[in-house]
N, C-alpha and C. Protein backbone atom coordinates (compact mmCIF):
# COMPACT_ATOMS: atom_id res chain seq x y z
N MET A 1 86.03 -142.92 -34.25
CA MET A 1 87.02 -143.94 -34.17
C MET A 1 88.16 -143.48 -33.28
N ALA A 2 88.74 -144.43 -32.56
CA ALA A 2 89.84 -144.13 -31.64
C ALA A 2 91.17 -144.26 -32.36
N ASN A 3 92.09 -143.40 -31.97
CA ASN A 3 93.44 -143.50 -32.53
C ASN A 3 94.18 -144.67 -31.87
N ILE A 4 94.90 -145.44 -32.67
CA ILE A 4 95.69 -146.56 -32.16
C ILE A 4 97.15 -146.13 -32.13
N THR A 5 97.75 -146.32 -30.96
CA THR A 5 99.18 -146.00 -30.81
C THR A 5 99.92 -147.26 -30.38
N ARG A 6 101.07 -147.37 -30.92
CA ARG A 6 101.91 -148.51 -30.58
C ARG A 6 102.71 -148.17 -29.32
N TRP A 7 102.76 -149.11 -28.38
CA TRP A 7 103.50 -148.91 -27.13
C TRP A 7 104.96 -149.27 -27.34
N ASP A 8 105.85 -148.36 -26.95
CA ASP A 8 107.29 -148.57 -27.13
C ASP A 8 107.95 -148.56 -25.75
N PRO A 9 108.30 -149.74 -25.21
CA PRO A 9 108.85 -149.80 -23.85
C PRO A 9 110.20 -149.09 -23.72
N ILE A 10 110.99 -149.06 -24.76
CA ILE A 10 112.30 -148.41 -24.71
C ILE A 10 112.15 -146.91 -24.51
N SER A 11 111.24 -146.29 -25.19
CA SER A 11 111.04 -144.86 -25.01
C SER A 11 110.50 -144.55 -23.63
N GLU A 12 109.72 -145.46 -23.06
CA GLU A 12 109.23 -145.28 -21.70
C GLU A 12 110.39 -145.27 -20.71
N LEU A 13 111.37 -146.16 -20.89
CA LEU A 13 112.54 -146.20 -20.00
C LEU A 13 113.35 -144.92 -20.12
N GLY A 14 113.49 -144.41 -21.31
CA GLY A 14 114.24 -143.16 -21.51
C GLY A 14 113.59 -142.00 -20.79
N ARG A 15 112.28 -142.06 -20.65
CA ARG A 15 111.56 -140.99 -19.99
C ARG A 15 111.90 -140.93 -18.49
N PHE A 16 112.20 -142.08 -17.88
CA PHE A 16 112.52 -142.12 -16.46
C PHE A 16 114.02 -142.01 -16.18
N ASP A 17 114.84 -141.99 -17.19
CA ASP A 17 116.30 -141.91 -17.06
C ASP A 17 116.86 -142.99 -16.13
N VAL A 18 116.34 -144.19 -16.24
CA VAL A 18 116.78 -145.30 -15.39
C VAL A 18 118.24 -145.63 -15.66
N PHE A 19 118.61 -145.69 -16.93
CA PHE A 19 119.98 -146.05 -17.26
C PHE A 19 120.98 -145.02 -16.73
N ARG A 20 120.63 -143.76 -16.82
CA ARG A 20 121.50 -142.70 -16.33
C ARG A 20 121.66 -142.81 -14.82
N ASP A 21 120.56 -143.05 -14.12
CA ASP A 21 120.62 -143.15 -12.66
C ASP A 21 121.45 -144.35 -12.21
N VAL A 22 121.27 -145.49 -12.86
CA VAL A 22 122.04 -146.68 -12.51
C VAL A 22 123.52 -146.46 -12.83
N ASP A 23 123.79 -145.86 -13.96
CA ASP A 23 125.17 -145.57 -14.35
C ASP A 23 125.84 -144.64 -13.34
N ASP A 24 125.14 -143.59 -12.91
CA ASP A 24 125.68 -142.68 -11.90
C ASP A 24 125.93 -143.40 -10.58
N LEU A 25 125.03 -144.28 -10.22
CA LEU A 25 125.18 -145.03 -8.98
C LEU A 25 126.43 -145.91 -9.03
N LEU A 26 126.61 -146.63 -10.12
CA LEU A 26 127.77 -147.52 -10.24
C LEU A 26 129.08 -146.74 -10.30
N LYS A 27 129.09 -145.64 -11.04
CA LYS A 27 130.31 -144.82 -11.10
C LYS A 27 130.67 -144.30 -9.73
N GLY A 28 129.72 -143.80 -9.02
CA GLY A 28 129.96 -143.27 -7.69
C GLY A 28 130.43 -144.34 -6.72
N PHE A 29 129.87 -145.52 -6.83
CA PHE A 29 130.24 -146.60 -5.93
C PHE A 29 131.67 -147.04 -6.15
N MET A 30 132.09 -147.11 -7.40
CA MET A 30 133.44 -147.57 -7.71
C MET A 30 134.50 -146.55 -7.33
N LEU A 31 134.20 -145.27 -7.37
CA LEU A 31 135.20 -144.26 -7.11
C LEU A 31 135.30 -143.87 -5.64
N ARG A 32 134.25 -144.02 -4.88
CA ARG A 32 134.26 -143.62 -3.48
C ARG A 32 134.63 -144.80 -2.61
N PRO A 33 135.33 -144.55 -1.49
CA PRO A 33 135.61 -145.65 -0.58
C PRO A 33 134.33 -146.18 0.04
N VAL A 34 134.33 -147.45 0.33
CA VAL A 34 133.14 -148.07 0.89
C VAL A 34 132.85 -147.51 2.27
N PHE A 35 133.90 -147.30 3.06
CA PHE A 35 133.74 -146.75 4.40
C PHE A 35 134.13 -145.29 4.37
N ARG A 36 133.15 -144.42 4.37
CA ARG A 36 133.43 -142.99 4.34
C ARG A 36 134.09 -142.55 5.64
N GLY A 37 134.99 -141.60 5.54
CA GLY A 37 135.64 -141.05 6.71
C GLY A 37 136.93 -141.76 7.08
N LEU A 38 137.19 -142.92 6.51
CA LEU A 38 138.45 -143.60 6.79
C LEU A 38 139.53 -143.01 5.91
N GLU A 39 140.69 -142.81 6.49
CA GLU A 39 141.78 -142.25 5.72
C GLU A 39 142.45 -143.35 4.91
N ALA A 40 143.02 -142.97 3.79
CA ALA A 40 143.74 -143.92 2.96
C ALA A 40 145.06 -144.26 3.63
N GLU A 41 145.58 -145.41 3.29
CA GLU A 41 146.85 -145.84 3.83
C GLU A 41 147.94 -144.85 3.39
N PRO A 42 148.73 -144.35 4.33
CA PRO A 42 149.73 -143.36 3.96
C PRO A 42 150.84 -143.94 3.11
N GLU A 43 151.50 -143.11 2.36
CA GLU A 43 152.60 -143.52 1.50
C GLU A 43 153.83 -142.70 1.85
N ILE A 44 155.01 -143.28 1.60
CA ILE A 44 156.25 -142.54 1.78
C ILE A 44 156.55 -141.86 0.46
N LYS A 45 156.55 -140.55 0.48
CA LYS A 45 156.86 -139.77 -0.73
C LYS A 45 158.29 -139.28 -0.63
N VAL A 46 159.06 -139.40 -1.71
CA VAL A 46 160.47 -139.03 -1.67
C VAL A 46 160.82 -138.01 -2.75
N ASP A 47 161.79 -137.15 -2.42
CA ASP A 47 162.44 -136.26 -3.38
C ASP A 47 163.91 -136.62 -3.35
N ILE A 48 164.49 -136.87 -4.52
CA ILE A 48 165.89 -137.27 -4.61
C ILE A 48 166.61 -136.29 -5.53
N SER A 49 167.72 -135.73 -5.03
CA SER A 49 168.53 -134.85 -5.87
C SER A 49 169.97 -135.36 -5.83
N GLU A 50 170.68 -135.12 -6.93
CA GLU A 50 172.05 -135.60 -7.05
C GLU A 50 173.01 -134.43 -7.14
N GLU A 51 174.08 -134.54 -6.37
CA GLU A 51 175.18 -133.58 -6.44
C GLU A 51 176.42 -134.34 -6.92
N ASP A 52 177.54 -133.65 -7.01
CA ASP A 52 178.75 -134.30 -7.51
C ASP A 52 179.17 -135.50 -6.67
N LYS A 53 179.14 -135.36 -5.36
CA LYS A 53 179.68 -136.41 -4.49
C LYS A 53 178.64 -137.12 -3.63
N ALA A 54 177.38 -136.72 -3.72
CA ALA A 54 176.37 -137.34 -2.86
C ALA A 54 174.97 -137.17 -3.44
N TYR A 55 174.05 -137.97 -2.91
CA TYR A 55 172.63 -137.84 -3.19
C TYR A 55 171.96 -137.25 -1.95
N ALA A 56 170.96 -136.43 -2.14
CA ALA A 56 170.16 -135.89 -1.04
C ALA A 56 168.74 -136.43 -1.20
N VAL A 57 168.24 -137.05 -0.14
CA VAL A 57 166.91 -137.64 -0.17
C VAL A 57 166.07 -137.02 0.93
N LYS A 58 164.86 -136.60 0.58
CA LYS A 58 163.88 -136.14 1.56
C LYS A 58 162.67 -137.05 1.43
N ALA A 59 162.33 -137.72 2.53
CA ALA A 59 161.20 -138.64 2.54
C ALA A 59 160.16 -138.16 3.54
N GLU A 60 158.93 -138.01 3.09
CA GLU A 60 157.85 -137.58 3.97
C GLU A 60 157.24 -138.80 4.65
N ILE A 61 157.39 -138.84 5.98
CA ILE A 61 156.83 -139.93 6.77
C ILE A 61 156.15 -139.31 7.99
N PRO A 62 155.01 -138.67 7.81
CA PRO A 62 154.36 -137.97 8.93
C PRO A 62 153.74 -138.93 9.94
N GLY A 63 153.74 -138.50 11.19
CA GLY A 63 153.07 -139.24 12.25
C GLY A 63 153.79 -140.49 12.70
N VAL A 64 155.08 -140.60 12.40
CA VAL A 64 155.86 -141.78 12.76
C VAL A 64 156.97 -141.35 13.72
N LYS A 65 157.25 -142.20 14.71
CA LYS A 65 158.35 -141.91 15.63
C LYS A 65 159.68 -142.25 14.96
N LYS A 66 160.71 -141.54 15.36
CA LYS A 66 162.04 -141.74 14.79
C LYS A 66 162.51 -143.18 14.97
N ASP A 67 162.17 -143.79 16.11
CA ASP A 67 162.60 -145.16 16.39
C ASP A 67 161.91 -146.20 15.52
N ASP A 68 160.81 -145.83 14.88
CA ASP A 68 160.06 -146.76 14.04
C ASP A 68 160.47 -146.72 12.57
N ILE A 69 161.53 -145.96 12.25
CA ILE A 69 161.99 -145.83 10.87
C ILE A 69 163.29 -146.62 10.71
N GLN A 70 163.39 -147.37 9.61
CA GLN A 70 164.61 -148.11 9.30
C GLN A 70 165.05 -147.78 7.89
N VAL A 71 166.35 -147.54 7.73
CA VAL A 71 166.93 -147.28 6.42
C VAL A 71 168.02 -148.32 6.20
N SER A 72 167.98 -148.98 5.05
CA SER A 72 169.04 -149.94 4.73
C SER A 72 169.58 -149.64 3.34
N ILE A 73 170.89 -149.86 3.19
CA ILE A 73 171.57 -149.58 1.92
C ILE A 73 172.33 -150.82 1.51
N ASP A 74 172.13 -151.23 0.27
CA ASP A 74 172.84 -152.37 -0.29
C ASP A 74 173.37 -151.97 -1.66
N GLY A 75 174.63 -151.53 -1.69
CA GLY A 75 175.23 -151.07 -2.94
C GLY A 75 174.59 -149.76 -3.37
N ASN A 76 173.79 -149.81 -4.43
CA ASN A 76 173.12 -148.60 -4.91
C ASN A 76 171.61 -148.64 -4.65
N ARG A 77 171.17 -149.62 -3.87
CA ARG A 77 169.74 -149.76 -3.54
C ARG A 77 169.49 -149.25 -2.14
N VAL A 78 168.51 -148.33 -2.01
CA VAL A 78 168.15 -147.73 -0.73
C VAL A 78 166.73 -148.15 -0.39
N SER A 79 166.52 -148.62 0.85
CA SER A 79 165.20 -149.03 1.32
C SER A 79 164.85 -148.26 2.58
N ILE A 80 163.64 -147.74 2.61
CA ILE A 80 163.13 -147.02 3.78
C ILE A 80 161.85 -147.72 4.21
N SER A 81 161.77 -148.09 5.49
CA SER A 81 160.53 -148.68 6.00
C SER A 81 160.17 -148.00 7.30
N ALA A 82 158.88 -147.92 7.57
CA ALA A 82 158.40 -147.25 8.78
C ALA A 82 157.20 -148.01 9.32
N GLU A 83 157.19 -148.20 10.62
CA GLU A 83 156.06 -148.83 11.32
C GLU A 83 155.07 -147.73 11.66
N VAL A 84 153.87 -147.80 11.07
CA VAL A 84 152.86 -146.76 11.25
C VAL A 84 151.80 -147.27 12.23
N LYS A 85 151.53 -146.46 13.24
CA LYS A 85 150.49 -146.79 14.22
C LYS A 85 149.60 -145.57 14.38
N LYS A 86 148.32 -145.76 14.14
CA LYS A 86 147.41 -144.64 14.26
C LYS A 86 146.13 -145.09 14.94
N GLU A 87 145.73 -144.34 15.94
CA GLU A 87 144.49 -144.64 16.65
C GLU A 87 143.66 -143.37 16.72
N LYS A 88 142.37 -143.53 16.49
CA LYS A 88 141.47 -142.38 16.51
C LYS A 88 140.20 -142.80 17.23
N GLU A 89 139.76 -141.98 18.15
CA GLU A 89 138.56 -142.30 18.91
C GLU A 89 137.69 -141.06 19.02
N GLU A 90 136.40 -141.21 18.73
CA GLU A 90 135.44 -140.11 18.86
C GLU A 90 134.48 -140.45 19.98
N LYS A 91 134.29 -139.49 20.88
CA LYS A 91 133.41 -139.71 22.03
C LYS A 91 132.32 -138.66 22.09
N GLU A 92 131.20 -139.06 22.65
CA GLU A 92 130.13 -138.15 23.00
C GLU A 92 129.90 -138.34 24.49
N GLY A 93 130.45 -137.43 25.27
CA GLY A 93 130.41 -137.61 26.72
C GLY A 93 131.32 -138.76 27.10
N LYS A 94 130.77 -139.76 27.79
CA LYS A 94 131.56 -140.93 28.17
C LYS A 94 131.38 -142.08 27.19
N ARG A 95 130.47 -141.94 26.27
CA ARG A 95 130.14 -143.01 25.32
C ARG A 95 131.02 -142.91 24.08
N VAL A 96 131.65 -144.00 23.68
CA VAL A 96 132.47 -144.04 22.47
C VAL A 96 131.56 -144.20 21.26
N ILE A 97 131.67 -143.28 20.33
CA ILE A 97 130.86 -143.32 19.11
C ILE A 97 131.57 -144.10 18.01
N ARG A 98 132.88 -143.85 17.88
CA ARG A 98 133.65 -144.52 16.83
C ARG A 98 135.09 -144.65 17.29
N SER A 99 135.69 -145.79 17.02
CA SER A 99 137.08 -146.03 17.36
C SER A 99 137.74 -146.71 16.16
N GLU A 100 138.82 -146.12 15.64
CA GLU A 100 139.50 -146.67 14.48
C GLU A 100 140.98 -146.83 14.79
N ARG A 101 141.56 -147.90 14.27
CA ARG A 101 142.98 -148.16 14.44
C ARG A 101 143.58 -148.59 13.12
N TYR A 102 144.83 -148.18 12.93
CA TYR A 102 145.57 -148.60 11.75
C TYR A 102 146.99 -148.93 12.19
N TYR A 103 147.42 -150.15 11.91
CA TYR A 103 148.79 -150.56 12.18
C TYR A 103 149.32 -151.18 10.90
N GLY A 104 150.50 -150.80 10.53
CA GLY A 104 151.06 -151.36 9.32
C GLY A 104 152.47 -150.86 9.07
N THR A 105 153.06 -151.38 8.03
CA THR A 105 154.41 -150.98 7.65
C THR A 105 154.37 -150.33 6.28
N GLN A 106 154.99 -149.18 6.19
CA GLN A 106 155.15 -148.50 4.91
C GLN A 106 156.57 -148.80 4.41
N TYR A 107 156.70 -148.98 3.11
CA TYR A 107 157.99 -149.37 2.56
C TYR A 107 158.22 -148.65 1.25
N ARG A 108 159.42 -148.18 1.05
CA ARG A 108 159.79 -147.53 -0.21
C ARG A 108 161.23 -147.91 -0.52
N ALA A 109 161.51 -148.31 -1.73
CA ALA A 109 162.86 -148.66 -2.15
C ALA A 109 163.11 -148.07 -3.53
N PHE A 110 164.37 -147.70 -3.77
CA PHE A 110 164.75 -147.16 -5.07
C PHE A 110 166.22 -147.46 -5.32
N THR A 111 166.58 -147.43 -6.59
CA THR A 111 167.95 -147.72 -7.01
C THR A 111 168.56 -146.45 -7.58
N LEU A 112 169.80 -146.16 -7.16
CA LEU A 112 170.51 -144.98 -7.63
C LEU A 112 171.57 -145.40 -8.66
N ALA A 113 172.11 -144.44 -9.37
CA ALA A 113 173.07 -144.73 -10.43
C ALA A 113 174.45 -145.14 -9.88
N HIS A 114 174.80 -144.68 -8.68
CA HIS A 114 176.11 -144.97 -8.09
C HIS A 114 175.94 -145.72 -6.78
N ASP A 115 176.94 -146.53 -6.43
CA ASP A 115 176.95 -147.19 -5.13
C ASP A 115 177.11 -146.16 -4.04
N ILE A 116 176.57 -146.46 -2.86
CA ILE A 116 176.59 -145.55 -1.72
C ILE A 116 177.64 -146.00 -0.71
N ASP A 117 178.38 -145.06 -0.16
CA ASP A 117 179.35 -145.33 0.90
C ASP A 117 178.57 -145.37 2.23
N GLU A 118 178.26 -146.58 2.70
CA GLU A 118 177.41 -146.76 3.89
C GLU A 118 178.03 -146.16 5.15
N THR A 119 179.34 -146.06 5.20
CA THR A 119 180.01 -145.56 6.41
C THR A 119 179.85 -144.06 6.60
N LYS A 120 179.51 -143.32 5.56
CA LYS A 120 179.41 -141.87 5.64
C LYS A 120 177.98 -141.33 5.50
N VAL A 121 177.00 -142.21 5.55
CA VAL A 121 175.60 -141.80 5.40
C VAL A 121 175.17 -141.00 6.62
N GLU A 122 174.43 -139.91 6.39
CA GLU A 122 173.87 -139.09 7.47
C GLU A 122 172.35 -139.11 7.35
N ALA A 123 171.68 -139.23 8.50
CA ALA A 123 170.22 -139.26 8.52
C ALA A 123 169.71 -138.35 9.62
N LYS A 124 168.65 -137.59 9.30
CA LYS A 124 168.03 -136.69 10.27
C LYS A 124 166.51 -136.75 10.05
N TYR A 125 165.75 -136.84 11.16
CA TYR A 125 164.29 -136.90 11.09
C TYR A 125 163.72 -135.78 11.94
N GLN A 126 162.95 -134.90 11.29
CA GLN A 126 162.36 -133.77 12.00
C GLN A 126 161.06 -133.37 11.31
N ASP A 127 160.02 -133.14 12.10
CA ASP A 127 158.72 -132.67 11.60
C ASP A 127 158.16 -133.56 10.50
N GLY A 128 158.33 -134.86 10.62
CA GLY A 128 157.75 -135.79 9.66
C GLY A 128 158.54 -135.96 8.38
N VAL A 129 159.73 -135.37 8.31
CA VAL A 129 160.55 -135.47 7.10
C VAL A 129 161.89 -136.12 7.45
N LEU A 130 162.21 -137.19 6.76
CA LEU A 130 163.49 -137.87 6.91
C LEU A 130 164.43 -137.32 5.84
N GLU A 131 165.58 -136.79 6.27
CA GLU A 131 166.57 -136.27 5.33
C GLU A 131 167.80 -137.17 5.36
N LEU A 132 168.17 -137.68 4.20
CA LEU A 132 169.33 -138.55 4.07
C LEU A 132 170.37 -137.89 3.18
N THR A 133 171.62 -137.98 3.59
CA THR A 133 172.74 -137.58 2.73
C THR A 133 173.48 -138.87 2.43
N LEU A 134 173.49 -139.26 1.15
CA LEU A 134 174.06 -140.52 0.73
C LEU A 134 175.30 -140.27 -0.14
N PRO A 135 176.51 -140.28 0.47
CA PRO A 135 177.73 -140.04 -0.31
C PRO A 135 177.98 -141.17 -1.31
N LYS A 136 178.43 -140.79 -2.49
CA LYS A 136 178.76 -141.78 -3.51
C LYS A 136 180.06 -142.47 -3.13
N LYS A 137 180.12 -143.75 -3.39
CA LYS A 137 181.32 -144.52 -3.08
C LYS A 137 182.40 -144.17 -4.11
N ALA A 138 183.58 -143.87 -3.59
CA ALA A 138 184.69 -143.56 -4.49
C ALA A 138 185.06 -144.83 -5.24
N GLY A 139 185.09 -144.75 -6.51
CA GLY A 139 185.39 -145.93 -7.31
C GLY A 139 185.98 -145.50 -8.63
N LYS A 140 186.08 -146.44 -9.47
CA LYS A 140 186.64 -146.16 -10.79
C LYS A 140 185.65 -145.34 -11.60
N GLU A 141 186.15 -144.34 -12.22
CA GLU A 141 185.34 -143.56 -13.13
C GLU A 141 185.17 -144.34 -14.43
N ALA A 142 184.09 -144.14 -15.08
CA ALA A 142 183.87 -144.81 -16.36
C ALA A 142 184.88 -144.27 -17.37
N LYS A 143 185.54 -145.18 -18.03
CA LYS A 143 186.56 -144.78 -18.99
C LYS A 143 185.90 -144.59 -20.35
N LYS A 144 186.15 -143.44 -20.93
CA LYS A 144 185.61 -143.16 -22.25
C LYS A 144 186.58 -143.70 -23.29
N ILE A 145 186.03 -144.36 -24.27
CA ILE A 145 186.85 -144.96 -25.31
C ILE A 145 186.65 -144.17 -26.59
N ALA A 146 187.79 -143.77 -27.16
CA ALA A 146 187.75 -143.03 -28.42
C ALA A 146 187.51 -144.02 -29.56
N ILE A 147 186.62 -143.63 -30.43
CA ILE A 147 186.28 -144.48 -31.58
C ILE A 147 187.09 -143.97 -32.77
N LYS A 148 187.80 -144.89 -33.41
CA LYS A 148 188.67 -144.52 -34.55
C LYS A 148 187.95 -144.72 -35.86
């Protein structure tokens, strides 16, 4: 007599690890950029420090010309924008293999605790770093009230 075995399709799928392979494929697709080799859009990164009479700001804006950077101040709000232009071309001999371009505007804004004296602001741009000295506007000091 022959042995009778019941066929279990679920155990057969587990043997091929189909679910694991599909899961790995989907995870990888969602985390990796669709177009490999393209750089992500750059961001303006800032470091802000406060002193008694001024704020010091260092903003990283690599690959941008000084003329393409704009800084605006409105009270205690500081805005930095930069026009970014990047072109990249790969050639093999005289034949162009790949040509990529990126044009756009980067923007960063933040609010400080004190108003800024716009007339005394100093700005310097060197080696991809914008350095701002933002003097605090002379104003009324906060009055402390004694509680009885």
